[in-house]
Protein backbone atom coordinates (compact mmCIF):
# COMPACT_ATOMS: atom_id res chain seq x y z
CA MET A 1 -198.40 -62.54 -1.12
CA ASN A 2 -196.46 -59.34 -1.91
CA THR A 3 -197.69 -56.54 0.39
CA THR A 4 -195.92 -53.68 -1.44
CA HIS A 5 -197.19 -54.11 -5.00
CA PHE A 6 -200.75 -54.78 -6.10
CA HIS A 7 -200.79 -54.33 -9.90
CA ILE A 8 -200.49 -57.53 -11.97
CA CYS A 9 -200.25 -58.09 -15.73
CA ALA A 10 -201.23 -61.35 -17.44
CA PHE A 11 -200.67 -62.10 -21.12
CA VAL A 12 -202.85 -64.86 -22.57
CA ASP A 13 -203.37 -66.53 -25.93
CA SER A 14 -207.05 -67.35 -25.45
CA ARG A 15 -209.96 -67.19 -23.06
CA ASP A 16 -209.35 -70.84 -22.20
CA GLU A 17 -205.77 -70.03 -21.21
CA ALA A 18 -206.98 -67.04 -19.20
CA ASP A 19 -209.45 -69.20 -17.31
CA GLN A 20 -206.82 -71.84 -16.60
CA ALA A 21 -204.40 -69.23 -15.25
CA LEU A 22 -206.86 -67.04 -13.36
CA VAL A 23 -209.39 -69.40 -11.77
CA PRO A 24 -206.93 -70.25 -8.94
CA PHE A 25 -206.58 -66.48 -8.37
CA TYR A 26 -210.37 -66.21 -8.07
CA ARG A 27 -210.63 -69.25 -5.82
CA GLU A 28 -207.96 -67.90 -3.50
CA ALA A 29 -210.01 -64.73 -3.09
CA LEU A 30 -213.05 -66.79 -2.09
CA ALA A 31 -210.98 -68.83 0.36
CA ARG A 32 -209.57 -65.64 1.90
CA ASN A 33 -213.03 -64.07 2.26
CA GLU A 34 -212.27 -61.45 -0.40
CA ARG A 35 -214.56 -60.13 -3.11
CA ASN A 36 -213.96 -60.81 -6.81
CA LEU A 37 -214.67 -57.83 -9.07
CA HIS A 38 -214.49 -58.84 -12.73
CA LEU A 39 -214.45 -56.06 -15.33
CA VAL A 40 -215.12 -57.67 -18.70
CA GLU A 41 -215.45 -56.27 -22.18
CA PRO A 42 -218.90 -54.87 -23.05
CA HIS A 43 -221.52 -57.53 -23.75
CA GLY A 44 -219.24 -60.26 -22.38
CA GLN A 45 -220.70 -60.62 -18.88
CA ASP A 46 -222.93 -63.63 -19.53
CA ALA A 47 -220.18 -65.54 -21.36
CA HIS A 48 -217.77 -64.80 -18.53
CA ARG A 49 -220.24 -66.05 -15.92
CA ALA A 50 -220.71 -69.24 -17.95
CA ARG A 51 -216.95 -69.87 -18.00
CA LEU A 52 -216.78 -69.39 -14.23
CA VAL A 53 -219.58 -71.92 -13.77
CA GLN A 54 -217.74 -74.40 -16.01
CA ALA A 55 -214.68 -73.91 -13.77
CA GLY A 56 -216.71 -74.98 -10.77
CA ILE A 57 -217.43 -71.60 -9.19
CA ASP A 58 -220.95 -71.20 -7.80
CA VAL A 59 -221.64 -67.92 -9.56
CA PRO A 60 -225.28 -67.37 -8.42
CA ALA A 61 -224.38 -67.96 -4.77
CA CYS A 62 -221.27 -65.74 -4.95
CA GLU A 63 -223.19 -62.92 -6.63
CA HIS A 64 -226.07 -63.26 -4.13
CA ARG A 65 -223.81 -62.78 -1.14
CA GLY A 66 -221.82 -60.02 -2.84
CA GLN A 67 -218.58 -61.94 -3.18
CA LEU A 68 -218.60 -61.70 -6.98
CA ALA A 69 -219.50 -58.77 -9.22
CA VAL A 70 -219.26 -58.97 -13.03
CA ARG A 71 -219.45 -55.60 -14.79
CA ALA A 72 -218.95 -54.24 -18.30
CA TRP A 73 -215.64 -52.42 -18.69
CA PRO A 74 -215.56 -49.70 -19.75
CA ALA A 75 -219.32 -49.35 -19.58
CA ASP A 76 -219.57 -46.61 -22.22
CA TRP A 77 -216.85 -47.71 -24.66
CA THR A 78 -218.16 -48.03 -28.22
CA GLU A 79 -215.55 -47.00 -30.81
CA PRO A 80 -211.75 -47.05 -31.13
CA GLY A 81 -209.94 -43.80 -30.46
CA GLY A 82 -207.95 -41.96 -27.87
CA LEU A 83 -208.40 -43.15 -24.30
CA ASP A 84 -209.65 -40.69 -21.69
CA VAL A 85 -207.12 -41.52 -18.97
CA GLU A 86 -208.76 -39.41 -16.28
CA GLU A 87 -212.15 -40.96 -17.00
CA LEU A 88 -210.71 -44.47 -16.87
CA LEU A 89 -208.99 -43.82 -13.55
CA GLU A 90 -212.17 -42.36 -12.12
CA ALA A 91 -214.13 -45.36 -13.40
CA MET A 92 -211.68 -47.75 -11.72
CA ALA A 93 -211.83 -45.72 -8.51
CA ARG A 94 -215.62 -45.96 -8.51
CA ALA A 95 -215.57 -49.65 -9.38
CA THR A 96 -213.21 -50.53 -6.54
CA ALA A 97 -214.69 -48.21 -3.90
CA PRO A 98 -216.26 -49.90 -0.87
CA MET A 99 -219.93 -50.50 -1.54
CA PRO A 100 -222.80 -52.26 0.16
CA ALA A 101 -223.19 -55.88 -0.90
CA PRO A 102 -226.51 -57.71 -1.16
CA ALA A 103 -227.92 -59.09 2.08
CA PRO A 104 -227.04 -61.07 4.10
CA ALA A 105 -223.35 -60.14 3.60
CA PRO A 106 -222.49 -56.47 4.05
CA ALA A 107 -219.29 -55.32 2.35
CA SER A 108 -217.64 -54.89 5.73
CA ASP A 109 -217.77 -58.67 6.17
CA PHE A 110 -215.20 -59.13 3.39
CA ASP A 111 -211.48 -58.83 4.02
CA GLY A 112 -210.54 -57.29 0.68
CA VAL A 113 -211.23 -57.19 -3.04
CA ARG A 114 -209.45 -58.60 -6.08
CA VAL A 115 -210.00 -57.04 -9.48
CA MET A 116 -209.69 -58.71 -12.88
CA ALA A 117 -209.91 -56.33 -15.84
CA GLN A 118 -209.97 -57.51 -19.45
CA MET A 119 -207.87 -54.98 -21.36
CA GLY A 120 -208.00 -56.37 -24.89
CA TRP A 121 -210.23 -53.49 -26.03
CA ALA A 122 -207.54 -50.97 -25.03
CA ALA A 123 -204.75 -52.59 -27.05
CA ARG A 124 -206.56 -52.90 -30.37
CA ALA A 125 -205.69 -50.93 -33.46
CA GLY A 126 -206.85 -47.33 -33.27
CA GLN A 127 -206.17 -46.83 -29.57
CA ASP A 128 -203.39 -44.50 -28.44
CA ARG A 129 -200.73 -46.66 -26.79
CA LEU A 130 -199.28 -43.75 -24.82
CA ASP A 131 -202.69 -43.05 -23.27
CA LEU A 132 -202.94 -46.72 -22.31
CA LEU A 133 -199.48 -46.71 -20.75
CA ASP A 134 -200.27 -43.47 -18.92
CA TYR A 135 -203.34 -45.12 -17.41
CA GLU A 136 -201.50 -48.29 -16.39
CA ALA A 137 -198.62 -46.36 -14.81
CA ARG A 138 -200.93 -44.11 -12.82
CA LEU A 139 -203.17 -46.98 -11.71
CA ASN A 140 -200.37 -48.20 -9.42
CA ALA A 141 -200.97 -45.32 -6.99
CA LEU A 142 -204.70 -46.01 -6.70
CA LEU A 143 -204.20 -49.71 -6.05
CA ALA A 144 -201.41 -49.09 -3.54
CA GLU A 145 -203.52 -46.56 -1.67
CA ARG A 146 -206.42 -49.02 -1.39
CA ARG A 147 -204.18 -52.08 -1.05
CA GLN A 148 -206.22 -53.93 -3.66
CA LEU A 149 -204.90 -56.57 -6.02
CA ALA A 150 -205.79 -55.99 -9.66
CA ILE A 151 -204.82 -58.13 -12.63
CA CYS A 152 -204.93 -56.65 -16.14
CA VAL A 153 -205.47 -59.33 -18.77
CA TYR A 154 -204.13 -58.73 -22.29
CA ASP A 155 -204.60 -60.91 -25.37
CA LEU A 156 -201.22 -61.55 -26.98
CA ALA A 157 -202.77 -61.44 -30.46
CA ALA A 158 -203.47 -57.72 -30.02
CA LEU A 159 -199.91 -56.83 -28.94
CA ASP A 160 -196.66 -56.20 -30.73
CA GLY A 161 -193.36 -56.76 -28.95
CA THR A 162 -192.74 -53.13 -28.04
CA LEU A 163 -196.21 -52.60 -26.58
CA MET A 164 -195.84 -55.81 -24.58
CA MET A 165 -192.55 -54.53 -23.17
CA ASP A 166 -194.08 -51.18 -22.28
CA LEU A 167 -196.98 -52.88 -20.53
CA LEU A 168 -194.55 -55.02 -18.56
CA ARG A 169 -192.81 -51.86 -17.42
CA THR A 170 -196.04 -50.47 -15.92
CA HIS A 171 -196.84 -53.56 -13.81
CA PRO A 172 -194.74 -54.56 -10.78
CA LEU A 173 -196.11 -58.12 -10.84
CA THR A 174 -196.73 -60.56 -13.68
CA MET A 175 -198.68 -63.77 -14.01
CA ILE A 176 -197.21 -66.21 -16.50
CA GLY A 177 -198.55 -69.74 -16.80
CA GLY A 178 -200.64 -69.13 -13.69
CA VAL A 179 -197.53 -68.26 -11.62
CA LEU A 180 -197.44 -64.86 -9.91
CA ARG A 181 -194.01 -63.28 -9.59
CA GLU A 182 -192.24 -59.95 -9.34
CA ASN A 183 -191.48 -58.27 -12.63
CA PRO A 184 -187.80 -57.39 -13.18
CA PHE A 185 -188.74 -54.91 -15.92
CA PHE A 186 -191.03 -52.77 -13.75
CA THR A 187 -190.27 -49.05 -14.01
CA PRO A 188 -191.37 -46.80 -11.11
CA PRO A 189 -194.47 -44.83 -12.20
CA ALA A 190 -192.86 -41.38 -11.83
CA GLU A 191 -189.99 -42.42 -14.09
CA MET A 192 -192.33 -44.06 -16.59
CA LEU A 193 -194.58 -41.00 -16.74
CA ARG A 194 -191.58 -38.73 -17.41
CA GLU A 195 -190.55 -41.02 -20.27
CA LEU A 196 -194.07 -41.04 -21.70
CA SER A 197 -194.16 -37.24 -21.58
CA ALA A 198 -190.87 -37.08 -23.46
CA ARG A 199 -192.11 -39.57 -26.02
CA ARG A 200 -195.22 -37.46 -26.61
CA ALA A 201 -193.06 -34.38 -27.10
CA THR A 202 -190.91 -36.11 -29.71
CA GLY A 203 -193.75 -38.01 -31.35
CA ARG A 204 -192.16 -41.36 -30.49
CA ARG A 205 -194.94 -43.86 -29.83
CA ARG A 206 -192.89 -47.02 -29.36
CA GLY A 207 -190.54 -48.07 -26.58
CA ARG A 208 -187.90 -50.76 -26.56
CA PRO A 209 -188.64 -54.25 -27.94
CA ALA A 210 -189.67 -57.07 -25.63
CA PRO A 211 -187.19 -59.77 -24.59
CA GLU A 212 -187.76 -63.29 -25.82
CA ALA A 213 -188.50 -64.42 -22.25
CA LEU A 214 -188.56 -63.05 -18.74
CA PRO A 215 -185.41 -63.84 -16.76
CA GLU A 216 -185.65 -66.19 -13.83
CA PRO A 217 -186.30 -64.33 -10.56
CA ALA A 218 -183.30 -63.96 -8.25
CA TRP A 219 -184.70 -66.27 -5.57
CA ARG A 220 -185.03 -69.10 -8.09
CA ARG A 221 -181.46 -68.63 -9.36
CA ARG A 222 -180.14 -68.78 -5.81
CA ALA A 223 -182.13 -71.94 -5.10
CA GLU A 224 -180.51 -73.67 -8.04
């Protein structure tokens, strides 16, 4: 597992595809004695728990011992509009902060936490894409400081090619087809934030278009 980067992006076509790609990620957390924190769209908690049960995860037992938490994300989101980046970062900081788990397993008994955040709500029409990119770029520092893996899940149906490319540039790791790998398009947060500031100043909302496919990572090319 990469020990330098902790921020992952996954693009999916459906909830079924998301489950197929992410369940191994959840299972690995359980096997490594890590907590799973799942931030799902408002009113989607029960459906998410049901999908986890169908995938063979003992949800009641995991929640009882504090190894799984399913929460609405963001808890107070109701209408489309501009994103409050500071509020979102503070919400993620609170959500990922160490906290007591239900008895008999105190939080200190776990060796880490993995976060899954459904981000479809943030990419829908009416949301400011530059606010979203600002949040994603700045989230890298929080995750690196806490050394916590977080995977942001985006529905492809809600994305155009340029927004997909911009989102790729804010995540150092990607998960495609269930395979986690380093992202060759990642732009260091400081550089990305400077670009976003310039785009705000000029009124340019869109970045460069997405490639048809991610290139093969260097280690795979060498192996061939």
